[in-house]
């Protein structure tokens, strides 16, 4: 699953809609706390090319 940053915390992308909205689930959360945000509100993790 894709991991992104939202509000300075790590989330997994649970589902992506064609409208640009995505459902996010907080990593290591004990409950399935899913939130809906627009893709413009998240940051991608930077990958180091090795």
N, C-alpha and C. Protein backbone atom coordinates (compact mmCIF):
# COMPACT_ATOMS: atom_id res chain seq x y z
N UNK A 1 0.84 -1.20 0.00
CA UNK A 1 0.00 0.00 0.00
C UNK A 1 0.88 1.25 0.00
N UNK A 2 0.36 2.29 -0.59
CA UNK A 2 1.06 3.55 -0.65
C UNK A 2 1.01 4.24 0.72
N UNK A 3 2.14 4.76 1.17
CA UNK A 3 2.22 5.48 2.44
C UNK A 3 2.43 6.95 2.14
N UNK A 4 1.65 7.82 2.81
CA UNK A 4 1.72 9.26 2.58
C UNK A 4 1.76 9.98 3.93
N UNK A 5 2.02 11.28 3.87
CA UNK A 5 2.03 12.11 5.07
C UNK A 5 0.83 13.04 5.03
N UNK A 6 0.08 13.07 6.13
CA UNK A 6 -1.05 13.98 6.27
C UNK A 6 -1.03 14.49 7.71
N UNK A 7 -1.07 15.78 7.90
CA UNK A 7 -0.98 16.40 9.23
C UNK A 7 0.23 15.89 10.01
N UNK A 8 1.36 15.78 9.32
CA UNK A 8 2.64 15.36 9.90
C UNK A 8 2.63 13.95 10.48
N UNK A 9 1.69 13.11 10.02
CA UNK A 9 1.62 11.72 10.46
C UNK A 9 1.56 10.81 9.25
N UNK A 10 1.97 9.56 9.44
CA UNK A 10 1.98 8.59 8.34
C UNK A 10 0.64 7.89 8.23
N UNK A 11 0.17 7.79 6.99
CA UNK A 11 -1.09 7.12 6.70
C UNK A 11 -0.89 6.19 5.52
N UNK A 12 -1.70 5.15 5.45
CA UNK A 12 -1.77 4.28 4.29
C UNK A 12 -2.95 4.71 3.44
N UNK A 13 -2.76 4.71 2.13
CA UNK A 13 -3.88 5.00 1.23
C UNK A 13 -4.77 3.76 1.21
N UNK A 14 -5.99 3.91 1.70
CA UNK A 14 -6.93 2.80 1.79
C UNK A 14 -7.70 2.65 0.48
N UNK A 15 -8.11 3.78 -0.11
CA UNK A 15 -8.83 3.76 -1.39
C UNK A 15 -8.67 5.11 -2.06
N UNK A 16 -8.50 5.12 -3.37
CA UNK A 16 -8.36 6.36 -4.13
C UNK A 16 -9.53 6.48 -5.10
N UNK A 17 -10.19 7.62 -5.09
CA UNK A 17 -11.31 7.91 -5.99
C UNK A 17 -10.81 8.68 -7.21
N UNK A 18 -11.48 8.54 -8.33
CA UNK A 18 -11.09 9.25 -9.55
C UNK A 18 -11.29 10.76 -9.43
N UNK A 19 -12.06 11.20 -8.44
CA UNK A 19 -12.31 12.62 -8.24
C UNK A 19 -11.14 13.34 -7.57
N UNK A 20 -10.12 12.56 -7.13
CA UNK A 20 -8.97 13.17 -6.46
C UNK A 20 -9.00 13.00 -4.95
N UNK A 21 -10.10 12.48 -4.43
CA UNK A 21 -10.18 12.23 -2.99
C UNK A 21 -9.65 10.83 -2.69
N UNK A 22 -9.07 10.71 -1.50
CA UNK A 22 -8.55 9.41 -1.08
C UNK A 22 -8.96 9.13 0.37
N UNK A 23 -9.13 7.86 0.66
CA UNK A 23 -9.39 7.43 2.03
C UNK A 23 -8.06 7.03 2.64
N UNK A 24 -7.78 7.53 3.84
CA UNK A 24 -6.53 7.26 4.51
C UNK A 24 -6.78 6.53 5.83
N UNK A 25 -5.87 5.63 6.16
CA UNK A 25 -5.92 4.92 7.43
C UNK A 25 -4.59 5.16 8.13
N UNK A 26 -4.64 5.60 9.38
CA UNK A 26 -3.41 5.88 10.13
C UNK A 26 -2.63 4.59 10.34
N UNK A 27 -1.34 4.65 10.09
CA UNK A 27 -0.47 3.49 10.25
C UNK A 27 -0.40 3.12 11.73
N UNK A 28 -0.46 1.83 12.00
CA UNK A 28 -0.38 1.27 13.36
C UNK A 28 -1.54 1.68 14.25
N UNK A 29 -2.65 2.08 13.67
CA UNK A 29 -3.83 2.41 14.45
C UNK A 29 -4.53 1.11 14.87
N UNK A 30 -4.97 1.05 16.12
CA UNK A 30 -5.63 -0.16 16.61
C UNK A 30 -7.07 -0.25 16.12
N UNK A 31 -7.61 0.88 15.69
CA UNK A 31 -8.97 0.88 15.14
C UNK A 31 -8.90 1.28 13.67
N UNK A 32 -9.87 0.87 12.90
CA UNK A 32 -9.92 1.25 11.49
C UNK A 32 -10.51 2.65 11.38
N UNK A 33 -9.68 3.64 11.63
CA UNK A 33 -10.08 5.03 11.61
C UNK A 33 -9.77 5.58 10.23
N UNK A 34 -10.74 5.55 9.32
CA UNK A 34 -10.56 5.97 7.94
C UNK A 34 -11.03 7.42 7.79
N UNK A 35 -10.19 8.25 7.14
CA UNK A 35 -10.58 9.64 6.88
C UNK A 35 -10.55 9.89 5.38
N UNK A 36 -11.32 10.85 4.94
CA UNK A 36 -11.41 11.22 3.53
C UNK A 36 -10.77 12.59 3.34
N UNK A 37 -9.76 12.67 2.48
CA UNK A 37 -9.08 13.94 2.20
C UNK A 37 -8.83 14.04 0.70
N UNK A 38 -8.55 15.25 0.24
CA UNK A 38 -8.21 15.45 -1.16
C UNK A 38 -6.71 15.23 -1.32
N UNK A 39 -6.33 14.71 -2.47
CA UNK A 39 -4.93 14.39 -2.72
C UNK A 39 -4.02 15.62 -2.58
N UNK A 40 -4.56 16.81 -2.79
CA UNK A 40 -3.75 18.03 -2.67
C UNK A 40 -3.36 18.31 -1.21
N UNK A 41 -4.00 17.64 -0.25
CA UNK A 41 -3.72 17.87 1.17
C UNK A 41 -2.65 16.94 1.74
N UNK A 42 -2.14 16.01 0.93
CA UNK A 42 -1.16 15.05 1.44
C UNK A 42 0.20 15.29 0.81
N UNK A 43 1.22 14.72 1.43
CA UNK A 43 2.58 14.77 0.90
C UNK A 43 3.04 13.34 0.65
N UNK A 44 3.76 13.15 -0.44
CA UNK A 44 4.32 11.84 -0.74
C UNK A 44 5.61 11.67 0.05
N UNK A 45 5.89 10.44 0.46
CA UNK A 45 7.18 10.15 1.07
C UNK A 45 8.24 10.20 -0.02
N UNK A 46 9.40 10.74 0.32
CA UNK A 46 10.48 10.79 -0.65
C UNK A 46 11.21 9.46 -0.65
N UNK A 47 11.49 8.94 -1.83
CA UNK A 47 12.21 7.68 -1.97
C UNK A 47 13.63 7.98 -2.43
N UNK A 48 14.58 7.40 -1.74
CA UNK A 48 15.98 7.56 -2.16
C UNK A 48 16.29 6.54 -3.24
N UNK A 49 16.83 7.00 -4.34
CA UNK A 49 17.20 6.10 -5.42
C UNK A 49 18.56 5.49 -5.08
N UNK A 50 18.59 4.19 -4.84
CA UNK A 50 19.86 3.54 -4.48
C UNK A 50 20.27 2.60 -5.59
